[in-house]
Amino acid sequence: MQTEQVKNKYNKDIKGKYNNKYEQERWFKNDIQKAGYDMTLNAIKKHAFASAYVSCFELGPGHGTWTKELLEYSDKANYDLLDISSEMLRLVKERFKDRENINYIESDFLEFKPEKQYDFFFSSRVIEYIPKKEEVIKKISDLIKPRGRGFIITKTPKYLRDKMLGRKIDDFHSGQIAPEKLMELFKKNNCKNIKIYPVTMSWPFWRSAKMNMLLHKTFGNHRLNLISQFFSESYCVVFDKK
C-alpha cells in the first residue's frame, strides 16, 4: 500500500461514495457504527485528555470528528491539521471556517517538513495507512516538545483470524501494526510512560452493538491484554516525550 493510493481513494470517495457527508456515513449510518463512535469518544476522553496544551498537531483530521473534541477540550490552543486528501481538508475547513486558531496543511506526512514542535500530538486511524512505520514513529516523536504528550488510535491487526476464516486481506488494509511492535518503536524513539488500551471492541460471533459496548465497558479502562486484544478492533497508545 502506498500513501498515493490513500489520497486518491479519499479524494474520489468524498464526493462519490460519501456524497460530502463523510462523518455521517462513517459513524452514524447504523447501530454498529454509532457504537464505534461512542467507544472512540469514551477512549479519547478517558485517555487523551490528561493535561493542558497550547499547541496541537492532528494527523488526519478527516471531517473533523475528533478535532471538534480537541477544540472543546482546549478552545484557545493553536492547531495544525495535516491531511493528505485535499477533499478531506475541504470538508474540515468548511466545518471550522470561523475558527482563527486552526492551520491546515495538505501533505504526505513522511514528506512534511515541520518548522516547530507541539505540546500534544493526536491522530486517529491514520498510521495504519502509512508505510515505513519506523519513519512514522520517529517523525511523530520529533514533532513533540520535550515533556509533551501523544495519543494515537490505530487498527488492531487480525490477519491470523482473517486467514483462518478465509478472508482475503486487501492491500489497502495491509499496513496495520501490532501493539507490542508499536510500543517498541515509541520506546526506541525517545518516548516514555507508554500505555496501550483497547478502543473499539467487536463481538466476533455475530454483529451486535450491545455486545460491542459491553466489551468496551468491561475492558476499556484496563490496559490491552491477550483477552481484550482478541475482541479489539482498534487500540490507542498514550505516551510522553522524554
C-alpha atoms as a PDB file:
ATOM      1  CA  MET A   1       0.000   0.000   0.000  1.00  0.00           C
ATOM      2  CA  GLN A   2       1.237   3.474  -0.890  1.00  0.00           C
ATOM      3  CA  THR A   3       0.065   6.804   0.512  1.00  0.00           C
ATOM      4  CA  GLU A   4      -0.796   7.934  -3.042  1.00  0.00           C
ATOM      5  CA  GLN A   5      -3.468   5.208  -3.073  1.00  0.00           C
ATOM      6  CA  VAL A   6      -4.931   6.551   0.162  1.00  0.00           C
ATOM      7  CA  LYS A   7      -5.019  10.115  -1.160  1.00  0.00           C
ATOM      8  CA  ASN A   8      -6.657   9.098  -4.429  1.00  0.00           C
ATOM      9  CA  LYS A   9      -9.217   6.887  -2.735  1.00  0.00           C
ATOM     10  CA  TYR A  10     -10.435   9.543  -0.308  1.00  0.00           C
ATOM     11  CA  ASN A  11     -10.347  12.330  -2.879  1.00  0.00           C
ATOM     12  CA  LYS A  12     -12.603  10.178  -5.064  1.00  0.00           C
ATOM     13  CA  ASP A  13     -14.868   8.799  -2.330  1.00  0.00           C
ATOM     14  CA  ILE A  14     -15.659  12.090  -0.561  1.00  0.00           C
ATOM     15  CA  LYS A  15     -17.809  13.344  -3.414  1.00  0.00           C
ATOM     16  CA  GLY A  16     -18.848   9.928  -4.697  1.00  0.00           C
ATOM     17  CA  LYS A  17     -19.325   7.208  -2.092  1.00  0.00           C
ATOM     18  CA  TYR A  18     -19.784   9.605   0.835  1.00  0.00           C
ATOM     19  CA  ASN A  19     -21.561  12.437  -1.021  1.00  0.00           C
ATOM     20  CA  ASN A  20     -19.686  15.053   1.041  1.00  0.00           C
ATOM     21  CA  LYS A  21     -21.129  13.543   4.240  1.00  0.00           C
ATOM     22  CA  TYR A  22     -18.131  11.577   5.425  1.00  0.00           C
ATOM     23  CA  GLU A  23     -18.807  11.852   9.152  1.00  0.00           C
ATOM     24  CA  GLN A  24     -22.423  10.709   8.805  1.00  0.00           C
ATOM     25  CA  GLU A  25     -21.515   7.817   6.521  1.00  0.00           C
ATOM     26  CA  ARG A  26     -18.518   6.756   8.632  1.00  0.00           C
ATOM     27  CA  TRP A  27     -20.013   6.924  12.129  1.00  0.00           C
ATOM     28  CA  PHE A  28     -23.796   7.223  12.156  1.00  0.00           C
ATOM     29  CA  LYS A  29     -25.383   5.035   9.471  1.00  0.00           C
ATOM     30  CA  ASN A  30     -26.245   2.153  11.815  1.00  0.00           C
ATOM     31  CA  ASP A  31     -26.026   0.977  15.431  1.00  0.00           C
ATOM     32  CA  ILE A  32     -22.654  -0.738  14.922  1.00  0.00           C
ATOM     33  CA  GLN A  33     -21.085   2.461  13.630  1.00  0.00           C
ATOM     34  CA  LYS A  34     -22.701   4.550  16.353  1.00  0.00           C
ATOM     35  CA  ALA A  35     -21.297   2.183  18.990  1.00  0.00           C
ATOM     36  CA  GLY A  36     -17.861   2.566  17.380  1.00  0.00           C
ATOM     37  CA  TYR A  37     -18.198   6.333  17.653  1.00  0.00           C
ATOM     38  CA  ASP A  38     -19.237   6.146  21.316  1.00  0.00           C
ATOM     39  CA  MET A  39     -16.375   3.804  22.188  1.00  0.00           C
ATOM     40  CA  THR A  40     -13.830   6.005  20.420  1.00  0.00           C
ATOM     41  CA  LEU A  41     -15.145   9.142  22.093  1.00  0.00           C
ATOM     42  CA  ASN A  42     -15.023   7.441  25.504  1.00  0.00           C
ATOM     43  CA  ALA A  43     -11.411   6.363  24.934  1.00  0.00           C
ATOM     44  CA  ILE A  44     -10.361   9.845  23.853  1.00  0.00           C
ATOM     45  CA  LYS A  45     -11.960  11.488  26.868  1.00  0.00           C
ATOM     46  CA  LYS A  46     -10.523   8.925  29.289  1.00  0.00           C
ATOM     47  CA  HIS A  47      -7.003   8.557  27.947  1.00  0.00           C
ATOM     48  CA  ALA A  48      -6.115  11.511  25.696  1.00  0.00           C
ATOM     49  CA  PHE A  49      -7.234  14.500  27.718  1.00  0.00           C
ATOM     50  CA  ALA A  50      -4.975  14.328  30.740  1.00  0.00           C
ATOM     51  CA  SER A  51      -3.055  17.596  30.600  1.00  0.00           C
ATOM     52  CA  ALA A  52      -3.414  21.096  29.200  1.00  0.00           C
ATOM     53  CA  TYR A  53      -1.684  22.096  25.965  1.00  0.00           C
ATOM     54  CA  VAL A  54      -1.296  25.290  23.955  1.00  0.00           C
ATOM     55  CA  SER A  55      -0.274  23.757  20.636  1.00  0.00           C
ATOM     56  CA  CYS A  56      -1.615  20.600  18.979  1.00  0.00           C
ATOM     57  CA  PHE A  57      -0.781  18.729  15.794  1.00  0.00           C
ATOM     58  CA  GLU A  58      -3.526  16.467  14.429  1.00  0.00           C
ATOM     59  CA  LEU A  59      -2.603  13.958  11.750  1.00  0.00           C
ATOM     60  CA  GLY A  60      -5.533  13.012   9.518  1.00  0.00           C
ATOM     61  CA  PRO A  61      -8.438  15.108  10.845  1.00  0.00           C
ATOM     62  CA  GLY A  62     -10.883  13.725   8.299  1.00  0.00           C
ATOM     63  CA  HIS A  63     -14.193  15.556   8.611  1.00  0.00           C
ATOM     64  CA  GLY A  64     -13.138  16.993  11.965  1.00  0.00           C
ATOM     65  CA  THR A  65     -14.991  14.438  14.092  1.00  0.00           C
ATOM     66  CA  TRP A  66     -12.298  14.366  16.766  1.00  0.00           C
ATOM     67  CA  THR A  67     -11.000  17.874  16.005  1.00  0.00           C
ATOM     68  CA  LYS A  68     -14.298  19.056  17.462  1.00  0.00           C
ATOM     69  CA  GLU A  69     -13.462  17.269  20.735  1.00  0.00           C
ATOM     70  CA  LEU A  70      -9.945  18.712  20.770  1.00  0.00           C
ATOM     71  CA  LEU A  71     -11.343  22.215  20.359  1.00  0.00           C
ATOM     72  CA  GLU A  72     -13.850  21.691  23.151  1.00  0.00           C
ATOM     73  CA  TYR A  73     -11.097  20.450  25.470  1.00  0.00           C
ATOM     74  CA  SER A  74      -8.663  23.290  24.707  1.00  0.00           C
ATOM     75  CA  ASP A  75     -10.502  26.066  22.919  1.00  0.00           C
ATOM     76  CA  LYS A  76      -7.650  28.595  22.962  1.00  0.00           C
ATOM     77  CA  ALA A  77      -4.843  26.313  21.782  1.00  0.00           C
ATOM     78  CA  ASN A  78      -3.313  26.599  18.320  1.00  0.00           C
ATOM     79  CA  TYR A  79      -3.973  23.679  15.987  1.00  0.00           C
ATOM     80  CA  ASP A  80      -2.140  22.434  12.902  1.00  0.00           C
ATOM     81  CA  LEU A  81      -4.191  19.862  10.957  1.00  0.00           C
ATOM     82  CA  LEU A  82      -2.439  17.775   8.300  1.00  0.00           C
ATOM     83  CA  ASP A  83      -4.203  15.549   5.784  1.00  0.00           C
ATOM     84  CA  ILE A  84      -3.031  14.009   2.527  1.00  0.00           C
ATOM     85  CA  SER A  85      -6.505  14.377   0.998  1.00  0.00           C
ATOM     86  CA  SER A  86      -7.479  17.771  -0.410  1.00  0.00           C
ATOM     87  CA  GLU A  87     -11.144  16.767  -0.282  1.00  0.00           C
ATOM     88  CA  MET A  88     -10.930  15.887   3.405  1.00  0.00           C
ATOM     89  CA  LEU A  89      -9.292  19.229   4.108  1.00  0.00           C
ATOM     90  CA  ARG A  90     -12.032  20.980   2.152  1.00  0.00           C
ATOM     91  CA  LEU A  91     -14.657  19.417   4.441  1.00  0.00           C
ATOM     92  CA  VAL A  92     -12.848  20.221   7.680  1.00  0.00           C
ATOM     93  CA  LYS A  93     -12.062  23.774   6.556  1.00  0.00           C
ATOM     94  CA  GLU A  94     -15.734  24.362   5.858  1.00  0.00           C
ATOM     95  CA  ARG A  95     -16.706  22.910   9.208  1.00  0.00           C
ATOM     96  CA  PHE A  96     -14.383  25.181  11.183  1.00  0.00           C
ATOM     97  CA  LYS A  97     -14.348  28.182   8.844  1.00  0.00           C
ATOM     98  CA  ASP A  98     -14.998  30.593  11.712  1.00  0.00           C
ATOM     99  CA  ARG A  99     -12.005  29.370  13.725  1.00  0.00           C
ATOM    100  CA  GLU A 100      -8.888  31.511  13.586  1.00  0.00           C
ATOM    101  CA  ASN A 101      -6.706  29.167  15.660  1.00  0.00           C
ATOM    102  CA  ILE A 102      -6.536  26.366  13.069  1.00  0.00           C
ATOM    103  CA  ASN A 103      -3.908  25.993  10.335  1.00  0.00           C
ATOM    104  CA  TYR A 104      -4.483  23.451   7.539  1.00  0.00           C
ATOM    105  CA  ILE A 105      -1.689  21.529   5.829  1.00  0.00           C
ATOM    106  CA  GLU A 106      -2.082  19.323   2.750  1.00  0.00           C
ATOM    107  CA  SER A 107       0.835  16.903   2.629  1.00  0.00           C
ATOM    108  CA  ASP A 108       2.076  13.365   2.787  1.00  0.00           C
ATOM    109  CA  PHE A 109       3.111  13.018   6.445  1.00  0.00           C
ATOM    110  CA  LEU A 110       6.507  11.500   5.665  1.00  0.00           C
ATOM    111  CA  GLU A 111       7.284  14.346   3.266  1.00  0.00           C
ATOM    112  CA  PHE A 112       6.086  17.058   5.649  1.00  0.00           C
ATOM    113  CA  LYS A 113       8.871  19.316   6.955  1.00  0.00           C
ATOM    114  CA  PRO A 114       7.743  20.815  10.284  1.00  0.00           C
ATOM    115  CA  GLU A 115       9.003  24.197  11.418  1.00  0.00           C
ATOM    116  CA  LYS A 116       8.156  23.752  15.095  1.00  0.00           C
ATOM    117  CA  GLN A 117       7.276  21.280  17.827  1.00  0.00           C
ATOM    118  CA  TYR A 118       3.984  20.810  19.660  1.00  0.00           C
ATOM    119  CA  ASP A 119       2.751  20.151  23.190  1.00  0.00           C
ATOM    120  CA  PHE A 120       0.303  17.493  22.003  1.00  0.00           C
ATOM    121  CA  PHE A 121       0.132  15.100  19.052  1.00  0.00           C
ATOM    122  CA  PHE A 122      -3.189  13.470  18.135  1.00  0.00           C
ATOM    123  CA  SER A 123      -4.121  11.005  15.418  1.00  0.00           C
ATOM    124  CA  SER A 124      -6.986   8.567  14.957  1.00  0.00           C
ATOM    125  CA  ARG A 125      -6.948   5.756  12.437  1.00  0.00           C
ATOM    126  CA  VAL A 126      -4.240   7.085  10.166  1.00  0.00           C
ATOM    127  CA  ILE A 127      -0.873   5.426  10.780  1.00  0.00           C
ATOM    128  CA  GLU A 128      -2.096   2.043   9.501  1.00  0.00           C
ATOM    129  CA  TYR A 129      -2.287   3.663   6.051  1.00  0.00           C
ATOM    130  CA  ILE A 130       1.284   4.990   6.081  1.00  0.00           C
ATOM    131  CA  PRO A 131       4.172   2.668   5.151  1.00  0.00           C
ATOM    132  CA  LYS A 132       7.621   2.781   6.788  1.00  0.00           C
ATOM    133  CA  LYS A 133       6.351   2.651  10.363  1.00  0.00           C
ATOM    134  CA  GLU A 134       9.766   3.343  11.896  1.00  0.00           C
ATOM    135  CA  GLU A 135       9.949   6.628   9.987  1.00  0.00           C
ATOM    136  CA  VAL A 136       6.391   7.474  11.015  1.00  0.00           C
ATOM    137  CA  ILE A 137       7.052   6.998  14.726  1.00  0.00           C
ATOM    138  CA  LYS A 138      10.347   8.867  14.601  1.00  0.00           C
ATOM    139  CA  LYS A 139       8.621  11.787  12.906  1.00  0.00           C
ATOM    140  CA  ILE A 140       5.819  11.795  15.468  1.00  0.00           C
ATOM    141  CA  SER A 141       8.343  11.833  18.310  1.00  0.00           C
ATOM    142  CA  ASP A 142      10.329  14.627  16.657  1.00  0.00           C
ATOM    143  CA  LEU A 143       7.150  16.723  16.357  1.00  0.00           C
ATOM    144  CA  ILE A 144       6.548  16.677  20.123  1.00  0.00           C
ATOM    145  CA  LYS A 145       8.281  19.025  22.546  1.00  0.00           C
ATOM    146  CA  PRO A 146      10.246  17.533  25.460  1.00  0.00           C
ATOM    147  CA  ARG A 147       7.729  16.542  28.153  1.00  0.00           C
ATOM    148  CA  GLY A 148       4.941  16.852  25.592  1.00  0.00           C
ATOM    149  CA  ARG A 149       2.310  14.174  25.049  1.00  0.00           C
ATOM    150  CA  GLY A 150       0.936  11.999  22.271  1.00  0.00           C
ATOM    151  CA  PHE A 151      -2.207   9.985  21.642  1.00  0.00           C
ATOM    152  CA  ILE A 152      -2.754   7.644  18.699  1.00  0.00           C
ATOM    153  CA  ILE A 153      -5.593   5.303  17.729  1.00  0.00           C
ATOM    154  CA  THR A 154      -4.897   2.624  15.148  1.00  0.00           C
ATOM    155  CA  LYS A 155      -6.432  -0.594  13.846  1.00  0.00           C
ATOM    156  CA  THR A 156      -5.718  -3.877  15.651  1.00  0.00           C
ATOM    157  CA  PRO A 157      -4.266  -6.442  13.217  1.00  0.00           C
ATOM    158  CA  LYS A 158      -6.480  -9.505  12.751  1.00  0.00           C
ATOM    159  CA  TYR A 159      -4.514 -11.127   9.957  1.00  0.00           C
ATOM    160  CA  LEU A 160      -4.307 -14.605  11.519  1.00  0.00           C
ATOM    161  CA  ARG A 161      -8.009 -14.681  12.351  1.00  0.00           C
ATOM    162  CA  ASP A 162      -8.903 -13.438   8.871  1.00  0.00           C
ATOM    163  CA  LYS A 163      -6.771 -16.110   7.263  1.00  0.00           C
ATOM    164  CA  MET A 164      -8.375 -18.815   9.417  1.00  0.00           C
ATOM    165  CA  LEU A 165     -11.799 -17.549   8.345  1.00  0.00           C
ATOM    166  CA  GLY A 166     -10.752 -17.499   4.717  1.00  0.00           C
ATOM    167  CA  ARG A 167     -10.949 -13.717   4.423  1.00  0.00           C
ATOM    168  CA  LYS A 168      -8.695 -12.016   1.920  1.00  0.00           C
ATOM    169  CA  ILE A 169      -6.574  -9.158   3.257  1.00  0.00           C
ATOM    170  CA  ASP A 170      -6.538  -6.427   0.633  1.00  0.00           C
ATOM    171  CA  ASP A 171      -3.559  -4.182   0.042  1.00  0.00           C
ATOM    172  CA  PHE A 172      -5.368  -1.113   1.372  1.00  0.00           C
ATOM    173  CA  HIS A 173      -5.646  -2.667   4.852  1.00  0.00           C
ATOM    174  CA  SER A 174      -2.303  -4.434   4.954  1.00  0.00           C
ATOM    175  CA  GLY A 175      -0.398  -1.799   6.939  1.00  0.00           C
ATOM    176  CA  GLN A 176      -1.734  -2.464  10.429  1.00  0.00           C
ATOM    177  CA  ILE A 177       0.835  -2.780  13.207  1.00  0.00           C
ATOM    178  CA  ALA A 178       0.713  -4.942  16.317  1.00  0.00           C
ATOM    179  CA  PRO A 179       0.541  -3.135  19.704  1.00  0.00           C
ATOM    180  CA  GLU A 180       3.759  -4.627  21.045  1.00  0.00           C
ATOM    181  CA  LYS A 181       5.663  -3.591  17.917  1.00  0.00           C
ATOM    182  CA  LEU A 182       4.299  -0.052  18.114  1.00  0.00           C
ATOM    183  CA  MET A 183       5.300   0.200  21.776  1.00  0.00           C
ATOM    184  CA  GLU A 184       8.843  -0.861  20.915  1.00  0.00           C
ATOM    185  CA  LEU A 185       9.073   1.803  18.217  1.00  0.00           C
ATOM    186  CA  PHE A 186       7.985   4.520  20.643  1.00  0.00           C
ATOM    187  CA  LYS A 187      10.499   3.318  23.256  1.00  0.00           C
ATOM    188  CA  LYS A 188      13.183   3.410  20.603  1.00  0.00           C
ATOM    189  CA  ASN A 189      12.278   6.995  19.705  1.00  0.00           C
ATOM    190  CA  ASN A 190      12.670   8.837  22.992  1.00  0.00           C
ATOM    191  CA  CYS A 191       9.194   8.231  24.470  1.00  0.00           C
ATOM    192  CA  LYS A 192       8.202   7.036  27.937  1.00  0.00           C
ATOM    193  CA  ASN A 193       5.150   6.222  30.079  1.00  0.00           C
ATOM    194  CA  ILE A 194       3.728   4.307  27.120  1.00  0.00           C
ATOM    195  CA  LYS A 195       0.293   2.832  27.787  1.00  0.00           C
ATOM    196  CA  ILE A 196      -1.956   0.883  25.438  1.00  0.00           C
ATOM    197  CA  TYR A 197      -5.725   0.485  25.817  1.00  0.00           C
ATOM    198  CA  PRO A 198      -8.416  -1.122  23.676  1.00  0.00           C
ATOM    199  CA  VAL A 199     -10.703   1.373  21.942  1.00  0.00           C
ATOM    200  CA  THR A 200     -13.374  -0.149  19.695  1.00  0.00           C
ATOM    201  CA  MET A 201     -14.434  -3.683  20.519  1.00  0.00           C
ATOM    202  CA  SER A 202     -16.184  -6.237  18.321  1.00  0.00           C
ATOM    203  CA  TRP A 203     -18.098  -9.368  19.265  1.00  0.00           C
ATOM    204  CA  PRO A 204     -16.847 -11.784  16.547  1.00  0.00           C
ATOM    205  CA  PHE A 205     -19.656 -14.326  16.552  1.00  0.00           C
ATOM    206  CA  TRP A 206     -22.487 -12.088  15.367  1.00  0.00           C
ATOM    207  CA  ARG A 207     -22.923  -8.367  14.805  1.00  0.00           C
ATOM    208  CA  SER A 208     -24.195  -6.723  17.969  1.00  0.00           C
ATOM    209  CA  ALA A 209     -23.767  -3.091  19.001  1.00  0.00           C
ATOM    210  CA  LYS A 210     -24.859  -4.002  22.540  1.00  0.00           C
ATOM    211  CA  MET A 211     -22.231  -6.733  22.867  1.00  0.00           C
ATOM    212  CA  ASN A 212     -19.571  -4.398  21.461  1.00  0.00           C
ATOM    213  CA  MET A 213     -20.449  -1.746  24.031  1.00  0.00           C
ATOM    214  CA  LEU A 214     -20.473  -4.341  26.827  1.00  0.00           C
ATOM    215  CA  LEU A 215     -16.973  -5.455  25.842  1.00  0.00           C
ATOM    216  CA  HIS A 216     -15.827  -1.838  25.832  1.00  0.00           C
ATOM    217  CA  LYS A 217     -17.338  -1.244  29.262  1.00  0.00           C
ATOM    218  CA  THR A 218     -15.591  -4.377  30.555  1.00  0.00           C
ATOM    219  CA  PHE A 219     -12.132  -3.801  29.074  1.00  0.00           C
ATOM    220  CA  GLY A 220     -11.901  -0.119  28.078  1.00  0.00           C
ATOM    221  CA  ASN A 221     -10.458   1.176  31.359  1.00  0.00           C
ATOM    222  CA  HIS A 222      -7.758  -1.507  31.526  1.00  0.00           C
ATOM    223  CA  ARG A 223      -4.530  -1.946  29.621  1.00  0.00           C
ATOM    224  CA  LEU A 224      -4.709  -4.059  26.477  1.00  0.00           C
ATOM    225  CA  ASN A 225      -4.095  -7.747  27.205  1.00  0.00           C
ATOM    226  CA  LEU A 226      -4.447 -11.048  25.340  1.00  0.00           C
ATOM    227  CA  ILE A 227      -8.164 -11.299  26.058  1.00  0.00           C
ATOM    228  CA  SER A 228      -9.111  -7.722  25.203  1.00  0.00           C
ATOM    229  CA  GLN A 229      -6.854  -7.790  22.144  1.00  0.00           C
ATOM    230  CA  PHE A 230      -8.865 -10.714  20.772  1.00  0.00           C
ATOM    231  CA  PHE A 231     -12.006  -8.545  20.820  1.00  0.00           C
ATOM    232  CA  SER A 232     -10.293  -5.260  19.974  1.00  0.00           C
ATOM    233  CA  GLU A 233     -10.867  -3.706  16.543  1.00  0.00           C
ATOM    234  CA  SER A 234      -8.701  -0.696  17.385  1.00  0.00           C
ATOM    235  CA  TYR A 235      -6.406   0.349  20.211  1.00  0.00           C
ATOM    236  CA  CYS A 236      -4.830   3.550  21.471  1.00  0.00           C
ATOM    237  CA  VAL A 237      -1.300   4.400  22.544  1.00  0.00           C
ATOM    238  CA  VAL A 238      -0.706   7.170  25.091  1.00  0.00           C
ATOM    239  CA  PHE A 239       2.871   8.342  25.633  1.00  0.00           C
ATOM    240  CA  ASP A 240       5.088  11.156  26.865  1.00  0.00           C
ATOM    241  CA  LYS A 241       8.129  12.601  25.158  1.00  0.00           C
ATOM    242  CA  LYS A 242      11.271  12.433  27.272  1.00  0.00           C
END
